[in-house]
Amino acid sequence: MSEKLSHEEFVKRAIVSLRKDGYKGIHSVYSGFNEAFKKYFDGENPVEVTNRLAKEGKIVIRPVKGGVMLYLPEDAPQPRSSADEALRKMGL
């Protein structure tokens, strides 16, 4: 039997394998990631693990409707401030 992946290896493999064409991240719920994580790691909480990995800079988490998006750091969208967005829309 092969060795189990570490949490980090599992999450990074999931992001690369489960993302749809044209997308750089995965939705934690709709992609099936949360359920797959619980099954692979015998009921461990994926939220705690992904939050820890995000704090360590291994992945990036962005809140979205119904859950979160998980990204590899190099693929994460850059956050824009609301002020910058407002000025851009105003043409300033």
N, C-alpha and C. Protein backbone atom coordinates (compact mmCIF):
# COMPACT_ATOMS: atom_id res chain seq x y z
N MET A 1 0.85 -1.19 0.00
CA MET A 1 0.00 0.00 0.00
C MET A 1 0.89 1.25 0.00
N SER A 2 0.53 2.23 -0.80
CA SER A 2 1.33 3.44 -0.88
C SER A 2 1.08 4.33 0.33
N GLU A 3 2.04 5.19 0.62
CA GLU A 3 1.93 6.11 1.75
C GLU A 3 0.87 7.16 1.45
N LYS A 4 0.19 7.60 2.51
CA LYS A 4 -0.78 8.67 2.35
C LYS A 4 -0.08 9.99 2.07
N LEU A 5 -0.75 10.82 1.31
CA LEU A 5 -0.23 12.16 1.06
C LEU A 5 -0.33 12.99 2.34
N SER A 6 0.52 14.00 2.46
CA SER A 6 0.39 14.95 3.56
C SER A 6 -0.80 15.86 3.25
N HIS A 7 -1.23 16.61 4.25
CA HIS A 7 -2.33 17.56 4.02
C HIS A 7 -1.98 18.51 2.88
N GLU A 8 -0.76 19.05 2.93
CA GLU A 8 -0.34 20.01 1.90
C GLU A 8 -0.34 19.38 0.51
N GLU A 9 0.22 18.19 0.40
CA GLU A 9 0.27 17.51 -0.90
C GLU A 9 -1.14 17.23 -1.42
N PHE A 10 -2.03 16.79 -0.54
CA PHE A 10 -3.41 16.49 -0.93
C PHE A 10 -4.11 17.74 -1.45
N VAL A 11 -4.00 18.84 -0.69
CA VAL A 11 -4.69 20.07 -1.07
C VAL A 11 -4.15 20.61 -2.40
N LYS A 12 -2.84 20.63 -2.55
CA LYS A 12 -2.26 21.14 -3.80
C LYS A 12 -2.64 20.26 -4.98
N ARG A 13 -2.64 18.95 -4.79
CA ARG A 13 -3.03 18.05 -5.88
C ARG A 13 -4.50 18.25 -6.23
N ALA A 14 -5.34 18.46 -5.21
CA ALA A 14 -6.77 18.69 -5.45
C ALA A 14 -6.98 19.97 -6.26
N ILE A 15 -6.26 21.03 -5.91
CA ILE A 15 -6.44 22.30 -6.63
C ILE A 15 -6.09 22.12 -8.11
N VAL A 16 -4.99 21.45 -8.38
CA VAL A 16 -4.57 21.26 -9.77
C VAL A 16 -5.50 20.29 -10.51
N SER A 17 -5.92 19.23 -9.85
CA SER A 17 -6.72 18.19 -10.51
C SER A 17 -8.19 18.52 -10.66
N LEU A 18 -8.76 19.25 -9.71
CA LEU A 18 -10.20 19.48 -9.70
C LEU A 18 -10.63 20.78 -10.37
N ARG A 19 -9.69 21.66 -10.66
CA ARG A 19 -10.12 22.93 -11.26
C ARG A 19 -10.58 22.70 -12.70
N LYS A 20 -11.57 23.49 -13.07
CA LYS A 20 -12.14 23.38 -14.42
C LYS A 20 -11.34 24.24 -15.38
N ASP A 21 -11.43 23.89 -16.65
CA ASP A 21 -10.71 24.66 -17.68
C ASP A 21 -11.03 26.14 -17.57
N GLY A 22 -10.02 26.95 -17.62
CA GLY A 22 -10.20 28.39 -17.55
C GLY A 22 -10.21 28.94 -16.14
N TYR A 23 -10.18 28.09 -15.14
CA TYR A 23 -10.19 28.53 -13.74
C TYR A 23 -8.88 28.14 -13.07
N LYS A 24 -8.44 28.98 -12.15
CA LYS A 24 -7.17 28.72 -11.47
C LYS A 24 -7.35 28.18 -10.07
N GLY A 25 -8.60 28.14 -9.59
CA GLY A 25 -8.87 27.64 -8.24
C GLY A 25 -10.04 26.69 -8.24
N ILE A 26 -10.33 26.15 -7.05
CA ILE A 26 -11.48 25.25 -6.91
C ILE A 26 -12.38 25.75 -5.78
N HIS A 27 -13.67 25.50 -5.92
CA HIS A 27 -14.63 25.80 -4.86
C HIS A 27 -14.59 24.63 -3.89
N SER A 28 -14.41 24.92 -2.61
CA SER A 28 -14.23 23.86 -1.61
C SER A 28 -15.41 22.90 -1.54
N VAL A 29 -16.61 23.39 -1.79
CA VAL A 29 -17.81 22.54 -1.69
C VAL A 29 -18.19 21.95 -3.03
N TYR A 30 -18.37 22.80 -4.03
CA TYR A 30 -18.90 22.35 -5.32
C TYR A 30 -17.95 21.44 -6.09
N SER A 31 -16.66 21.53 -5.82
CA SER A 31 -15.70 20.66 -6.51
C SER A 31 -15.66 19.26 -5.91
N GLY A 32 -16.24 19.10 -4.71
CA GLY A 32 -16.18 17.82 -4.01
C GLY A 32 -14.96 17.72 -3.10
N PHE A 33 -14.18 18.79 -3.03
CA PHE A 33 -12.95 18.77 -2.22
C PHE A 33 -13.22 18.43 -0.76
N ASN A 34 -14.16 19.12 -0.12
CA ASN A 34 -14.39 18.90 1.32
C ASN A 34 -14.71 17.44 1.61
N GLU A 35 -15.59 16.85 0.84
CA GLU A 35 -15.98 15.45 1.07
C GLU A 35 -14.81 14.50 0.79
N ALA A 36 -14.07 14.76 -0.27
CA ALA A 36 -12.93 13.92 -0.59
C ALA A 36 -11.88 14.00 0.52
N PHE A 37 -11.66 15.20 1.06
CA PHE A 37 -10.69 15.38 2.14
C PHE A 37 -11.11 14.57 3.36
N LYS A 38 -12.38 14.69 3.74
CA LYS A 38 -12.88 13.96 4.91
C LYS A 38 -12.74 12.45 4.72
N LYS A 39 -13.02 11.98 3.52
CA LYS A 39 -12.92 10.55 3.26
C LYS A 39 -11.47 10.08 3.31
N TYR A 40 -10.58 10.81 2.68
CA TYR A 40 -9.16 10.42 2.61
C TYR A 40 -8.49 10.48 3.98
N PHE A 41 -8.85 11.49 4.77
CA PHE A 41 -8.22 11.69 6.08
C PHE A 41 -9.13 11.27 7.24
N ASP A 42 -9.98 10.31 7.02
CA ASP A 42 -10.81 9.70 8.08
C ASP A 42 -11.56 10.73 8.94
N GLY A 43 -12.26 11.64 8.28
CA GLY A 43 -13.14 12.56 8.99
C GLY A 43 -12.49 13.83 9.49
N GLU A 44 -11.21 14.06 9.19
CA GLU A 44 -10.58 15.31 9.62
C GLU A 44 -11.29 16.51 9.00
N ASN A 45 -11.19 17.64 9.66
CA ASN A 45 -11.87 18.86 9.23
C ASN A 45 -11.04 19.60 8.17
N PRO A 46 -11.53 19.69 6.93
CA PRO A 46 -10.77 20.38 5.88
C PRO A 46 -10.64 21.88 6.12
N VAL A 47 -11.58 22.48 6.82
CA VAL A 47 -11.54 23.92 7.07
C VAL A 47 -10.33 24.26 7.94
N GLU A 48 -10.13 23.50 9.01
CA GLU A 48 -8.99 23.76 9.90
C GLU A 48 -7.67 23.61 9.14
N VAL A 49 -7.56 22.57 8.33
CA VAL A 49 -6.32 22.30 7.62
C VAL A 49 -6.06 23.36 6.55
N THR A 50 -7.07 23.72 5.76
CA THR A 50 -6.86 24.72 4.72
C THR A 50 -6.56 26.10 5.33
N ASN A 51 -7.19 26.42 6.45
CA ASN A 51 -6.89 27.69 7.12
C ASN A 51 -5.43 27.71 7.59
N ARG A 52 -4.95 26.61 8.14
CA ARG A 52 -3.56 26.52 8.59
C ARG A 52 -2.61 26.67 7.41
N LEU A 53 -2.91 25.97 6.31
CA LEU A 53 -2.05 26.06 5.12
C LEU A 53 -2.04 27.48 4.56
N ALA A 54 -3.17 28.17 4.64
CA ALA A 54 -3.24 29.55 4.16
C ALA A 54 -2.38 30.46 5.04
N LYS A 55 -2.44 30.26 6.36
CA LYS A 55 -1.62 31.07 7.28
C LYS A 55 -0.14 30.84 7.02
N GLU A 56 0.22 29.62 6.62
CA GLU A 56 1.62 29.29 6.33
C GLU A 56 2.04 29.76 4.94
N GLY A 57 1.09 30.28 4.14
CA GLY A 57 1.40 30.77 2.81
C GLY A 57 1.50 29.67 1.75
N LYS A 58 1.03 28.47 2.07
CA LYS A 58 1.11 27.35 1.13
C LYS A 58 -0.01 27.40 0.09
N ILE A 59 -1.17 27.95 0.48
CA ILE A 59 -2.32 28.12 -0.42
C ILE A 59 -2.94 29.49 -0.13
N VAL A 60 -3.87 29.90 -0.98
CA VAL A 60 -4.61 31.15 -0.79
C VAL A 60 -6.09 30.81 -0.76
N ILE A 61 -6.80 31.40 0.19
CA ILE A 61 -8.24 31.18 0.33
C ILE A 61 -8.96 32.49 0.07
N ARG A 62 -10.02 32.44 -0.74
CA ARG A 62 -10.87 33.60 -0.99
C ARG A 62 -12.31 33.19 -0.69
N PRO A 63 -13.01 33.93 0.18
CA PRO A 63 -14.41 33.60 0.47
C PRO A 63 -15.30 33.86 -0.75
N VAL A 64 -16.22 32.94 -0.98
CA VAL A 64 -17.20 33.09 -2.05
C VAL A 64 -18.52 32.51 -1.56
N LYS A 65 -19.56 32.72 -2.33
CA LYS A 65 -20.87 32.21 -1.95
C LYS A 65 -20.83 30.68 -1.82
N GLY A 66 -21.29 30.19 -0.69
CA GLY A 66 -21.38 28.75 -0.47
C GLY A 66 -20.10 28.08 -0.01
N GLY A 67 -19.04 28.86 0.26
CA GLY A 67 -17.80 28.26 0.71
C GLY A 67 -16.62 29.16 0.44
N VAL A 68 -15.51 28.56 0.01
CA VAL A 68 -14.32 29.33 -0.31
C VAL A 68 -13.71 28.79 -1.60
N MET A 69 -12.90 29.63 -2.23
CA MET A 69 -12.10 29.19 -3.37
C MET A 69 -10.70 28.93 -2.84
N LEU A 70 -10.10 27.85 -3.30
CA LEU A 70 -8.73 27.48 -2.92
C LEU A 70 -7.83 27.66 -4.13
N TYR A 71 -6.70 28.35 -3.94
CA TYR A 71 -5.76 28.61 -5.02
C TYR A 71 -4.34 28.26 -4.58
N LEU A 72 -3.50 27.91 -5.55
CA LEU A 72 -2.07 27.88 -5.30
C LEU A 72 -1.64 29.35 -5.23
N PRO A 73 -0.64 29.68 -4.42
CA PRO A 73 -0.25 31.10 -4.28
C PRO A 73 0.06 31.80 -5.60
N GLU A 74 0.70 31.10 -6.52
CA GLU A 74 1.06 31.74 -7.78
C GLU A 74 -0.13 31.97 -8.71
N ASP A 75 -1.26 31.32 -8.43
CA ASP A 75 -2.45 31.44 -9.28
C ASP A 75 -3.55 32.31 -8.68
N ALA A 76 -3.39 32.76 -7.45
CA ALA A 76 -4.45 33.49 -6.76
C ALA A 76 -4.66 34.87 -7.38
N PRO A 77 -5.92 35.27 -7.50
CA PRO A 77 -6.19 36.63 -8.00
C PRO A 77 -5.70 37.65 -6.98
N GLN A 78 -5.17 38.74 -7.48
CA GLN A 78 -4.69 39.79 -6.59
C GLN A 78 -5.87 40.60 -6.06
N PRO A 79 -5.94 40.79 -4.75
CA PRO A 79 -7.06 41.55 -4.19
C PRO A 79 -6.98 43.01 -4.60
N ARG A 80 -8.11 43.57 -4.91
CA ARG A 80 -8.18 44.99 -5.24
C ARG A 80 -8.89 45.69 -4.11
N SER A 81 -8.45 46.87 -3.77
CA SER A 81 -9.16 47.61 -2.74
C SER A 81 -10.43 48.19 -3.35
N SER A 82 -11.43 48.38 -2.53
CA SER A 82 -12.70 48.93 -3.04
C SER A 82 -12.49 50.36 -3.53
N ALA A 83 -11.55 51.11 -2.93
CA ALA A 83 -11.28 52.47 -3.38
C ALA A 83 -10.70 52.44 -4.79
N ASP A 84 -9.74 51.53 -5.03
CA ASP A 84 -9.16 51.43 -6.37
C ASP A 84 -10.22 51.06 -7.39
N GLU A 85 -11.10 50.14 -7.03
CA GLU A 85 -12.17 49.71 -7.93
C GLU A 85 -13.11 50.87 -8.24
N ALA A 86 -13.48 51.64 -7.21
CA ALA A 86 -14.38 52.77 -7.40
C ALA A 86 -13.74 53.82 -8.32
N LEU A 87 -12.48 54.12 -8.08
CA LEU A 87 -11.79 55.10 -8.94
C LEU A 87 -11.68 54.60 -10.37
N ARG A 88 -11.42 53.32 -10.55
CA ARG A 88 -11.32 52.75 -11.90
C ARG A 88 -12.65 52.90 -12.63
N LYS A 89 -13.74 52.59 -11.94
CA LYS A 89 -15.07 52.68 -12.55
C LYS A 89 -15.42 54.13 -12.89
N MET A 90 -14.89 55.06 -12.09
CA MET A 90 -15.15 56.47 -12.35
C MET A 90 -14.24 57.04 -13.43
N GLY A 91 -13.28 56.22 -13.89
CA GLY A 91 -12.37 56.68 -14.91
C GLY A 91 -11.26 57.58 -14.36
N LEU A 92 -11.01 57.47 -13.08
CA LEU A 92 -9.99 58.33 -12.45
C LEU A 92 -8.77 57.56 -12.05
